[in-house]
């Protein structure tokens, strides 16, 4: 469950609330796709924009429609008491594990970040993935902080952002973390490099909407076929460029619309979808890159 390809689906949202039918359809599609786990309510799942009741409902839907594929559920929130409540909801829904980012408004010290994970892991009966995502949380993990947190009970994996030339980072972390704790890479444009550097999991935005395209990179990368994995990632360079320019959430939202998987709009306001020109670019790339192959 904490190795291989983990797919992060959208949570389609309108002003009336979560589009439950569309979300269930996305999860059912992933349940028959070449993925090893499904992570609901990650950043692609817009978790900070949903209230507790909505998140509990999404967790239940994900587990119900995922079949035999294990489901992880994001539990990040500003206050520890909220995280603990969300963890309880995820476990009651039947989640196989949880994903926790240290969401912050006030800048958190290392002591405060460690305290969050210590409080939450002590209350868990399922494994936890540490979500290191400084671009959204504004929390920067040192390798030493990762090591301290990874020694806590129930920590199963560390999700690190993709970085160019990640061999040194992954090697250093591997030397600090307990052996059972896996290292997973996020940041789809750099995922192939991360896997080839030793990451045993890919926590993927793209896989949540077009798992076939992500699997075409993941399969050879996890098998150690650097040439094939790099070639497939390079083939998607126009998509990666659009991710960087517009944000991966907006891009996969537009891809899902183009494929007829979700309606428009599907992002929680004030977040808007792509402008007309970029939407046309997505439509062109879906066809040219054959993302469903």
Foldseek 3Di string as FASTA:
>chain_A
DQFWEEEEAEQFADPVGTPLVLLLLLLLVLLPFPGQAYEALDVLHVNALDDLVNQLVSLLSNVVNNPPRAYEYEQEDADLVSSQVSLVSNVVSPHQEYEYENAHDPADDLVRVLVSLQVNLVNDPHAYEYEQDCVHRVHHDDLVSVLSSLPHPRHQEYEDEADPPCLVVVVVSCVRHPPRYFYEYELVLRRLVVLLSPGRYYHYHLCSQQVVLVVQLRVCSPVNNSVRNVVSSVLCVVVSVCCVVPNSSLLSQLVCVLVVSDDPPGDDPPDHHDPPVVSVVSNVCCVVSVSND
